[in-house]
């Protein structure tokens, strides 16, 4: 079974408050990027357990700690499923705020559910994905969602970027989620994100914001320069995705977007 595990971007990200459990309440709109994806090949195996073969972008992570293996082990314990061989061709940059790992883990859950006829419905898949991470439930639906709480509470949102061009730039520098949250100052904005995101894209800049940018750009000026370069190149809207370090720009002109293409710069039409 071949699966294309696409990534996502965050359209706005408000860090509202710190919770008693140490997490933060956020609001963000997650939007799928179907043109940028990892490729998973999942095949039944005669051996017990799972084997993971890694291709593409190298990840400094032992196989047993890879989220794909964690997803398999979860279903093996619950349903006693047989062995599989998972080949992961990693194409989405990691440590970028694009949710590539979360997408891979969810893709494995969905694929194994079909392969072994487990009959898990959407609610069961979302609950299982939530045990793997905060972004993972989004990829069960894989449609624009307003995500709240730790990101696991989802409400469909009417955001359609079809026809826009996007350039996604991954700087050399990385930002850990822990670092991003350590530098943020939670606050509740006067206007909810759901209202701001309903405005035309042309009005988003300066309104649909990412609360992580202030501290991340201060600590990593190169990431801030990427955002400025996208706006200077003609992006109608540019923002860091999630906790970074990837930055994306939305263009209404394909030639301007294509000018941003490069080794770690991904450009395509939505």
C-alpha atoms as a PDB file:
ATOM      1  CA  UNK A   1       0.000   0.000   0.000  1.00  0.00           C
ATOM      2  CA  UNK A   2       1.422   3.361  -1.070  1.00  0.00           C
ATOM      3  CA  UNK A   3       0.426   6.461   0.914  1.00  0.00           C
ATOM      4  CA  UNK A   4       1.319  10.104   0.328  1.00  0.00           C
ATOM      5  CA  UNK A   5       1.506  11.687   3.794  1.00  0.00           C
ATOM      6  CA  UNK A   6       1.167  15.413   3.122  1.00  0.00           C
ATOM      7  CA  UNK A   7       2.213  18.140   5.533  1.00  0.00           C
ATOM      8  CA  UNK A   8       0.348  21.238   6.759  1.00  0.00           C
ATOM      9  CA  UNK A   9       0.792  24.924   7.424  1.00  0.00           C
ATOM     10  CA  UNK A  10      -0.620  27.018  10.235  1.00  0.00           C
ATOM     11  CA  UNK A  11      -2.705  30.000   9.186  1.00  0.00           C
ATOM     12  CA  UNK A  12      -2.442  32.102  12.327  1.00  0.00           C
ATOM     13  CA  UNK A  13      -1.475  30.739  15.711  1.00  0.00           C
ATOM     14  CA  UNK A  14      -2.682  32.348  18.946  1.00  0.00           C
ATOM     15  CA  UNK A  15      -1.206  31.126  22.226  1.00  0.00           C
ATOM     16  CA  UNK A  16      -4.042  31.982  24.597  1.00  0.00           C
ATOM     17  CA  UNK A  17      -3.003  30.781  28.051  1.00  0.00           C
ATOM     18  CA  UNK A  18      -0.827  28.357  29.981  1.00  0.00           C
ATOM     19  CA  UNK A  19      -2.767  25.471  31.488  1.00  0.00           C
ATOM     20  CA  UNK A  20      -2.388  23.827  34.876  1.00  0.00           C
ATOM     21  CA  UNK A  21      -1.088  20.662  33.197  1.00  0.00           C
ATOM     22  CA  UNK A  22       1.861  22.577  31.710  1.00  0.00           C
ATOM     23  CA  UNK A  23       0.477  22.703  28.173  1.00  0.00           C
ATOM     24  CA  UNK A  24      -0.926  25.794  26.472  1.00  0.00           C
ATOM     25  CA  UNK A  25      -4.342  26.510  25.002  1.00  0.00           C
ATOM     26  CA  UNK A  26      -3.975  27.646  21.416  1.00  0.00           C
ATOM     27  CA  UNK A  27      -6.107  28.501  18.419  1.00  0.00           C
ATOM     28  CA  UNK A  28      -4.799  27.925  14.914  1.00  0.00           C
ATOM     29  CA  UNK A  29      -6.089  27.028  11.479  1.00  0.00           C
ATOM     30  CA  UNK A  30      -4.307  24.023  10.012  1.00  0.00           C
ATOM     31  CA  UNK A  31      -4.365  23.768   6.245  1.00  0.00           C
ATOM     32  CA  UNK A  32      -3.168  20.690   4.285  1.00  0.00           C
ATOM     33  CA  UNK A  33      -0.356  21.059   1.759  1.00  0.00           C
ATOM     34  CA  UNK A  34      -1.018  18.137  -0.574  1.00  0.00           C
ATOM     35  CA  UNK A  35       1.851  19.024  -2.884  1.00  0.00           C
ATOM     36  CA  UNK A  36       4.536  18.452  -0.239  1.00  0.00           C
ATOM     37  CA  UNK A  37       4.488  14.954   1.216  1.00  0.00           C
ATOM     38  CA  UNK A  38       6.403  11.925   2.459  1.00  0.00           C
ATOM     39  CA  UNK A  39       5.829   8.610   0.676  1.00  0.00           C
ATOM     40  CA  UNK A  40       5.048   5.515   2.737  1.00  0.00           C
ATOM     41  CA  UNK A  41       5.026   1.968   1.386  1.00  0.00           C
ATOM     42  CA  UNK A  42       3.391  -0.447   3.846  1.00  0.00           C
ATOM     43  CA  UNK A  43       3.420  -4.166   3.100  1.00  0.00           C
ATOM     44  CA  UNK A  44       2.437  -7.255   5.117  1.00  0.00           C
ATOM     45  CA  UNK A  45       5.423  -9.208   6.411  1.00  0.00           C
ATOM     46  CA  UNK A  46       5.925 -12.823   7.381  1.00  0.00           C
ATOM     47  CA  UNK A  47       7.878 -11.765  10.469  1.00  0.00           C
ATOM     48  CA  UNK A  48       6.287 -10.589  13.691  1.00  0.00           C
ATOM     49  CA  UNK A  49       6.439  -6.900  14.484  1.00  0.00           C
ATOM     50  CA  UNK A  50       7.397  -4.094  12.124  1.00  0.00           C
ATOM     51  CA  UNK A  51      10.480  -3.251  10.117  1.00  0.00           C
ATOM     52  CA  UNK A  52      11.165   0.391   9.195  1.00  0.00           C
ATOM     53  CA  UNK A  53      13.276   1.296   6.161  1.00  0.00           C
ATOM     54  CA  UNK A  54      14.270   4.951   5.865  1.00  0.00           C
ATOM     55  CA  UNK A  55      14.935   6.767   2.578  1.00  0.00           C
ATOM     56  CA  UNK A  56      15.255  10.418   1.626  1.00  0.00           C
ATOM     57  CA  UNK A  57      16.028  13.088   4.226  1.00  0.00           C
ATOM     58  CA  UNK A  58      18.018  11.573   7.074  1.00  0.00           C
ATOM     59  CA  UNK A  59      16.531  11.662  10.573  1.00  0.00           C
ATOM     60  CA  UNK A  60      18.654  11.265  13.690  1.00  0.00           C
ATOM     61  CA  UNK A  61      16.165   9.012  15.456  1.00  0.00           C
ATOM     62  CA  UNK A  62      16.363   5.300  16.339  1.00  0.00           C
ATOM     63  CA  UNK A  63      13.733   3.275  14.429  1.00  0.00           C
ATOM     64  CA  UNK A  64      11.901   2.200  17.591  1.00  0.00           C
ATOM     65  CA  UNK A  65      11.276   5.850  18.488  1.00  0.00           C
ATOM     66  CA  UNK A  66       9.985   6.808  15.049  1.00  0.00           C
ATOM     67  CA  UNK A  67       6.326   7.813  15.160  1.00  0.00           C
ATOM     68  CA  UNK A  68       5.508   5.288  12.403  1.00  0.00           C
ATOM     69  CA  UNK A  69       6.709   2.462  14.645  1.00  0.00           C
ATOM     70  CA  UNK A  70       4.819   3.910  17.606  1.00  0.00           C
ATOM     71  CA  UNK A  71       1.631   3.941  15.535  1.00  0.00           C
ATOM     72  CA  UNK A  72       2.158   0.314  14.535  1.00  0.00           C
ATOM     73  CA  UNK A  73       2.885  -0.795  18.111  1.00  0.00           C
ATOM     74  CA  UNK A  74      -0.272   0.915  19.355  1.00  0.00           C
ATOM     75  CA  UNK A  75      -2.440  -1.075  16.957  1.00  0.00           C
ATOM     76  CA  UNK A  76      -0.494  -4.297  17.490  1.00  0.00           C
ATOM     77  CA  UNK A  77      -1.157  -4.120  21.234  1.00  0.00           C
ATOM     78  CA  UNK A  78      -4.841  -3.326  20.775  1.00  0.00           C
ATOM     79  CA  UNK A  79      -5.764  -5.526  17.842  1.00  0.00           C
ATOM     80  CA  UNK A  80      -2.988  -8.106  17.544  1.00  0.00           C
ATOM     81  CA  UNK A  81      -2.243  -7.173  13.943  1.00  0.00           C
ATOM     82  CA  UNK A  82       0.436  -9.043  11.994  1.00  0.00           C
ATOM     83  CA  UNK A  83       3.872  -7.931  10.914  1.00  0.00           C
ATOM     84  CA  UNK A  84       4.547  -5.209   8.352  1.00  0.00           C
ATOM     85  CA  UNK A  85       7.425  -3.634   6.478  1.00  0.00           C
ATOM     86  CA  UNK A  86       7.231   0.169   6.387  1.00  0.00           C
ATOM     87  CA  UNK A  87       9.366   2.094   3.905  1.00  0.00           C
ATOM     88  CA  UNK A  88       9.413   5.839   4.612  1.00  0.00           C
ATOM     89  CA  UNK A  89      10.732   8.127   1.880  1.00  0.00           C
ATOM     90  CA  UNK A  90      11.204  11.344   3.861  1.00  0.00           C
ATOM     91  CA  UNK A  91      10.680  14.460   1.741  1.00  0.00           C
ATOM     92  CA  UNK A  92       9.089  16.935   4.159  1.00  0.00           C
ATOM     93  CA  UNK A  93      11.716  18.800   6.205  1.00  0.00           C
ATOM     94  CA  UNK A  94      11.552  17.900   9.891  1.00  0.00           C
ATOM     95  CA  UNK A  95      11.806  20.377  12.761  1.00  0.00           C
ATOM     96  CA  UNK A  96      10.030  22.842  10.518  1.00  0.00           C
ATOM     97  CA  UNK A  97       6.542  23.294  11.984  1.00  0.00           C
ATOM     98  CA  UNK A  98       5.042  21.475   8.978  1.00  0.00           C
ATOM     99  CA  UNK A  99       3.807  18.417  10.873  1.00  0.00           C
ATOM    100  CA  UNK A 100       5.618  15.926   8.653  1.00  0.00           C
ATOM    101  CA  UNK A 101       6.190  13.407  11.426  1.00  0.00           C
ATOM    102  CA  UNK A 102       2.633  13.760  12.700  1.00  0.00           C
ATOM    103  CA  UNK A 103       1.358  13.143   9.185  1.00  0.00           C
ATOM    104  CA  UNK A 104       3.499  10.003   8.849  1.00  0.00           C
ATOM    105  CA  UNK A 105       2.210   8.552  12.114  1.00  0.00           C
ATOM    106  CA  UNK A 106      -1.417   9.225  11.226  1.00  0.00           C
ATOM    107  CA  UNK A 107      -0.930   7.821   7.730  1.00  0.00           C
ATOM    108  CA  UNK A 108       0.304   4.566   9.268  1.00  0.00           C
ATOM    109  CA  UNK A 109      -2.760   4.376  11.534  1.00  0.00           C
ATOM    110  CA  UNK A 110      -5.140   4.957   8.626  1.00  0.00           C
ATOM    111  CA  UNK A 111      -3.324   2.507   6.348  1.00  0.00           C
ATOM    112  CA  UNK A 112      -3.171  -0.279   8.940  1.00  0.00           C
ATOM    113  CA  UNK A 113      -6.835   0.249   9.753  1.00  0.00           C
ATOM    114  CA  UNK A 114      -7.611  -0.489   6.104  1.00  0.00           C
ATOM    115  CA  UNK A 115      -5.005  -3.211   5.603  1.00  0.00           C
ATOM    116  CA  UNK A 116      -6.151  -5.268   8.584  1.00  0.00           C
ATOM    117  CA  UNK A 117      -9.876  -4.363   8.316  1.00  0.00           C
ATOM    118  CA  UNK A 118      -9.944  -2.988  11.872  1.00  0.00           C
ATOM    119  CA  UNK A 119     -13.084  -0.925  11.213  1.00  0.00           C
ATOM    120  CA  UNK A 120     -11.922   2.050  13.247  1.00  0.00           C
ATOM    121  CA  UNK A 121     -14.215   4.986  12.467  1.00  0.00           C
ATOM    122  CA  UNK A 122     -13.094   8.622  12.295  1.00  0.00           C
ATOM    123  CA  UNK A 123     -13.620   9.189  16.027  1.00  0.00           C
ATOM    124  CA  UNK A 124     -11.525   6.122  16.908  1.00  0.00           C
ATOM    125  CA  UNK A 125      -8.746   7.145  14.519  1.00  0.00           C
ATOM    126  CA  UNK A 126      -8.706  10.693  15.933  1.00  0.00           C
ATOM    127  CA  UNK A 127      -8.510   9.359  19.491  1.00  0.00           C
ATOM    128  CA  UNK A 128      -5.655   7.016  18.551  1.00  0.00           C
ATOM    129  CA  UNK A 129      -3.822   9.767  16.674  1.00  0.00           C
ATOM    130  CA  UNK A 130      -4.142  12.099  19.674  1.00  0.00           C
ATOM    131  CA  UNK A 131      -2.103   9.607  21.721  1.00  0.00           C
ATOM    132  CA  UNK A 132       0.775  10.063  19.291  1.00  0.00           C
ATOM    133  CA  UNK A 133       0.891  13.888  19.429  1.00  0.00           C
ATOM    134  CA  UNK A 134      -1.010  17.160  19.302  1.00  0.00           C
ATOM    135  CA  UNK A 135      -1.011  17.725  15.525  1.00  0.00           C
ATOM    136  CA  UNK A 136      -1.717  14.138  14.530  1.00  0.00           C
ATOM    137  CA  UNK A 137      -5.555  14.207  14.799  1.00  0.00           C
ATOM    138  CA  UNK A 138      -5.678  16.901  12.104  1.00  0.00           C
ATOM    139  CA  UNK A 139      -4.321  14.492   9.519  1.00  0.00           C
ATOM    140  CA  UNK A 140      -7.224  12.078  10.019  1.00  0.00           C
ATOM    141  CA  UNK A 141      -9.526  14.673   8.480  1.00  0.00           C
ATOM    142  CA  UNK A 142      -6.806  16.383   6.422  1.00  0.00           C
ATOM    143  CA  UNK A 143      -9.048  19.322   5.568  1.00  0.00           C
ATOM    144  CA  UNK A 144      -8.916  22.946   6.846  1.00  0.00           C
ATOM    145  CA  UNK A 145      -9.642  22.881  10.570  1.00  0.00           C
ATOM    146  CA  UNK A 146      -9.764  25.452  13.364  1.00  0.00           C
ATOM    147  CA  UNK A 147      -7.794  23.660  16.064  1.00  0.00           C
ATOM    148  CA  UNK A 148      -8.110  24.578  19.739  1.00  0.00           C
ATOM    149  CA  UNK A 149      -6.988  23.282  23.127  1.00  0.00           C
ATOM    150  CA  UNK A 150      -3.573  21.671  22.532  1.00  0.00           C
ATOM    151  CA  UNK A 151      -4.590  21.470  18.879  1.00  0.00           C
ATOM    152  CA  UNK A 152      -6.665  18.316  19.268  1.00  0.00           C
ATOM    153  CA  UNK A 153     -10.126  19.972  19.288  1.00  0.00           C
ATOM    154  CA  UNK A 154     -11.080  20.510  15.669  1.00  0.00           C
ATOM    155  CA  UNK A 155     -13.843  22.427  13.914  1.00  0.00           C
ATOM    156  CA  UNK A 156     -14.074  22.532  10.094  1.00  0.00           C
ATOM    157  CA  UNK A 157     -13.380  26.022   8.767  1.00  0.00           C
ATOM    158  CA  UNK A 158     -14.232  27.481   5.377  1.00  0.00           C
ATOM    159  CA  UNK A 159     -10.807  28.476   4.051  1.00  0.00           C
ATOM    160  CA  UNK A 160     -10.077  27.807   0.394  1.00  0.00           C
ATOM    161  CA  UNK A 161      -6.683  28.723  -1.067  1.00  0.00           C
ATOM    162  CA  UNK A 162      -7.250  26.970  -4.399  1.00  0.00           C
ATOM    163  CA  UNK A 163      -5.504  28.860  -7.178  1.00  0.00           C
ATOM    164  CA  UNK A 164      -2.969  30.563  -4.921  1.00  0.00           C
ATOM    165  CA  UNK A 165       0.740  29.801  -5.252  1.00  0.00           C
ATOM    166  CA  UNK A 166       2.735  28.905  -2.178  1.00  0.00           C
ATOM    167  CA  UNK A 167       6.450  29.031  -1.490  1.00  0.00           C
ATOM    168  CA  UNK A 168       7.667  27.141   1.592  1.00  0.00           C
ATOM    169  CA  UNK A 169      11.200  27.932   2.743  1.00  0.00           C
ATOM    170  CA  UNK A 170      13.084  25.828   5.301  1.00  0.00           C
ATOM    171  CA  UNK A 171      16.017  27.796   6.789  1.00  0.00           C
ATOM    172  CA  UNK A 172      19.113  25.962   7.966  1.00  0.00           C
ATOM    173  CA  UNK A 173      18.303  26.869  11.558  1.00  0.00           C
ATOM    174  CA  UNK A 174      15.865  24.798  13.572  1.00  0.00           C
ATOM    175  CA  UNK A 175      13.556  25.699  16.446  1.00  0.00           C
ATOM    176  CA  UNK A 176      12.413  23.210  19.056  1.00  0.00           C
ATOM    177  CA  UNK A 177       8.822  23.327  20.232  1.00  0.00           C
ATOM    178  CA  UNK A 178      10.087  23.724  23.790  1.00  0.00           C
ATOM    179  CA  UNK A 179      12.155  26.763  22.819  1.00  0.00           C
ATOM    180  CA  UNK A 180       9.226  28.347  21.000  1.00  0.00           C
ATOM    181  CA  UNK A 181       6.844  27.990  23.941  1.00  0.00           C
ATOM    182  CA  UNK A 182       9.489  29.178  26.425  1.00  0.00           C
ATOM    183  CA  UNK A 183       9.693  32.520  24.638  1.00  0.00           C
ATOM    184  CA  UNK A 184       6.011  33.192  24.026  1.00  0.00           C
ATOM    185  CA  UNK A 185       3.771  35.459  26.112  1.00  0.00           C
ATOM    186  CA  UNK A 186       0.221  34.043  26.120  1.00  0.00           C
ATOM    187  CA  UNK A 187      -2.623  36.462  25.512  1.00  0.00           C
ATOM    188  CA  UNK A 188      -6.204  36.443  24.244  1.00  0.00           C
ATOM    189  CA  UNK A 189      -6.544  38.664  21.147  1.00  0.00           C
ATOM    190  CA  UNK A 190      -9.474  41.098  20.962  1.00  0.00           C
ATOM    191  CA  UNK A 191     -10.805  39.415  17.802  1.00  0.00           C
ATOM    192  CA  UNK A 192     -10.972  35.600  17.559  1.00  0.00           C
ATOM    193  CA  UNK A 193      -8.933  33.918  14.851  1.00  0.00           C
ATOM    194  CA  UNK A 194     -12.100  32.476  13.297  1.00  0.00           C
ATOM    195  CA  UNK A 195     -13.231  36.030  12.470  1.00  0.00           C
ATOM    196  CA  UNK A 196      -9.853  37.212  11.185  1.00  0.00           C
ATOM    197  CA  UNK A 197      -9.352  34.163   8.949  1.00  0.00           C
ATOM    198  CA  UNK A 198     -12.760  34.813   7.348  1.00  0.00           C
ATOM    199  CA  UNK A 199     -11.381  38.012   5.803  1.00  0.00           C
ATOM    200  CA  UNK A 200      -9.864  37.929   2.291  1.00  0.00           C
ATOM    201  CA  UNK A 201      -6.247  36.734   2.135  1.00  0.00           C
ATOM    202  CA  UNK A 202      -5.218  40.234   1.089  1.00  0.00           C
ATOM    203  CA  UNK A 203      -6.162  41.451   4.596  1.00  0.00           C
ATOM    204  CA  UNK A 204      -4.385  38.738   6.572  1.00  0.00           C
ATOM    205  CA  UNK A 205      -0.924  40.290   6.869  1.00  0.00           C
ATOM    206  CA  UNK A 206      -0.649  41.892  10.296  1.00  0.00           C
ATOM    207  CA  UNK A 207      -3.967  40.399  11.394  1.00  0.00           C
ATOM    208  CA  UNK A 208      -3.606  36.622  11.023  1.00  0.00           C
ATOM    209  CA  UNK A 209      -0.419  36.318  13.063  1.00  0.00           C
ATOM    210  CA  UNK A 210       1.760  33.642  14.647  1.00  0.00           C
ATOM    211  CA  UNK A 211       2.511  34.377  18.318  1.00  0.00           C
ATOM    212  CA  UNK A 212       5.787  32.436  18.149  1.00  0.00           C
ATOM    213  CA  UNK A 213       7.337  34.777  15.613  1.00  0.00           C
ATOM    214  CA  UNK A 214       8.367  37.584  17.977  1.00  0.00           C
ATOM    215  CA  UNK A 215      10.641  35.496  20.205  1.00  0.00           C
ATOM    216  CA  UNK A 216      11.761  33.071  17.484  1.00  0.00           C
ATOM    217  CA  UNK A 217      12.810  35.878  15.142  1.00  0.00           C
ATOM    218  CA  UNK A 218      14.666  37.577  17.998  1.00  0.00           C
ATOM    219  CA  UNK A 219      16.633  34.408  18.747  1.00  0.00           C
ATOM    220  CA  UNK A 220      16.989  33.372  15.077  1.00  0.00           C
ATOM    221  CA  UNK A 221      17.177  36.518  12.896  1.00  0.00           C
ATOM    222  CA  UNK A 222      17.741  34.419   9.767  1.00  0.00           C
ATOM    223  CA  UNK A 223      14.199  33.051  10.033  1.00  0.00           C
ATOM    224  CA  UNK A 224      12.796  36.568  10.256  1.00  0.00           C
ATOM    225  CA  UNK A 225      14.800  37.523   7.186  1.00  0.00           C
ATOM    226  CA  UNK A 226      13.165  34.685   5.252  1.00  0.00           C
ATOM    227  CA  UNK A 227       9.728  36.099   5.999  1.00  0.00           C
ATOM    228  CA  UNK A 228      10.825  39.562   4.892  1.00  0.00           C
ATOM    229  CA  UNK A 229      12.299  38.144   1.686  1.00  0.00           C
ATOM    230  CA  UNK A 230       8.986  36.468   0.828  1.00  0.00           C
ATOM    231  CA  UNK A 231       7.065  39.706   1.317  1.00  0.00           C
ATOM    232  CA  UNK A 232       9.656  41.648  -0.682  1.00  0.00           C
ATOM    233  CA  UNK A 233       9.343  39.048  -3.461  1.00  0.00           C
ATOM    234  CA  UNK A 234       5.634  39.807  -3.726  1.00  0.00           C
ATOM    235  CA  UNK A 235       3.916  37.437  -1.296  1.00  0.00           C
ATOM    236  CA  UNK A 236       0.462  38.703  -0.380  1.00  0.00           C
ATOM    237  CA  UNK A 237       0.775  36.929   2.974  1.00  0.00           C
ATOM    238  CA  UNK A 238       3.754  35.358   4.719  1.00  0.00           C
ATOM    239  CA  UNK A 239       4.084  33.636   8.077  1.00  0.00           C
ATOM    240  CA  UNK A 240       6.108  31.118  10.014  1.00  0.00           C
ATOM    241  CA  UNK A 241       4.345  27.755  10.258  1.00  0.00           C
ATOM    242  CA  UNK A 242       3.747  26.399  13.748  1.00  0.00           C
ATOM    243  CA  UNK A 243       6.781  26.777  15.992  1.00  0.00           C
ATOM    244  CA  UNK A 244       9.061  27.019  12.942  1.00  0.00           C
ATOM    245  CA  UNK A 245      11.453  27.149  11.381  1.00  0.00           C
ATOM    246  CA  UNK A 246       9.708  26.872   7.985  1.00  0.00           C
ATOM    247  CA  UNK A 247       8.188  30.063   6.603  1.00  0.00           C
ATOM    248  CA  UNK A 248       5.668  30.222   3.776  1.00  0.00           C
ATOM    249  CA  UNK A 249       4.344  32.878   1.468  1.00  0.00           C
ATOM    250  CA  UNK A 250       1.108  33.001  -0.518  1.00  0.00           C
ATOM    251  CA  UNK A 251       1.389  34.533  -3.985  1.00  0.00           C
ATOM    252  CA  UNK A 252      -1.232  35.511  -6.536  1.00  0.00           C
ATOM    253  CA  UNK A 253       1.461  35.528  -9.238  1.00  0.00           C
ATOM    254  CA  UNK A 254       3.062  32.221 -10.232  1.00  0.00           C
ATOM    255  CA  UNK A 255       6.196  33.842 -11.688  1.00  0.00           C
ATOM    256  CA  UNK A 256       6.929  35.644  -8.427  1.00  0.00           C
ATOM    257  CA  UNK A 257       6.434  32.428  -6.476  1.00  0.00           C
ATOM    258  CA  UNK A 258       8.647  30.411  -8.839  1.00  0.00           C
ATOM    259  CA  UNK A 259      11.465  32.896  -8.273  1.00  0.00           C
ATOM    260  CA  UNK A 260      11.665  31.564  -4.693  1.00  0.00           C
ATOM    261  CA  UNK A 261      12.269  27.951  -5.749  1.00  0.00           C
ATOM    262  CA  UNK A 262      15.474  26.299  -4.523  1.00  0.00           C
ATOM    263  CA  UNK A 263      16.971  23.261  -2.795  1.00  0.00           C
ATOM    264  CA  UNK A 264      15.064  23.898   0.429  1.00  0.00           C
ATOM    265  CA  UNK A 265      12.387  26.056  -1.143  1.00  0.00           C
ATOM    266  CA  UNK A 266       9.235  24.287  -2.269  1.00  0.00           C
ATOM    267  CA  UNK A 267       6.903  26.038  -4.729  1.00  0.00           C
ATOM    268  CA  UNK A 268       3.615  24.876  -6.216  1.00  0.00           C
ATOM    269  CA  UNK A 269       0.055  25.938  -6.916  1.00  0.00           C
ATOM    270  CA  UNK A 270      -2.576  25.098  -4.335  1.00  0.00           C
END
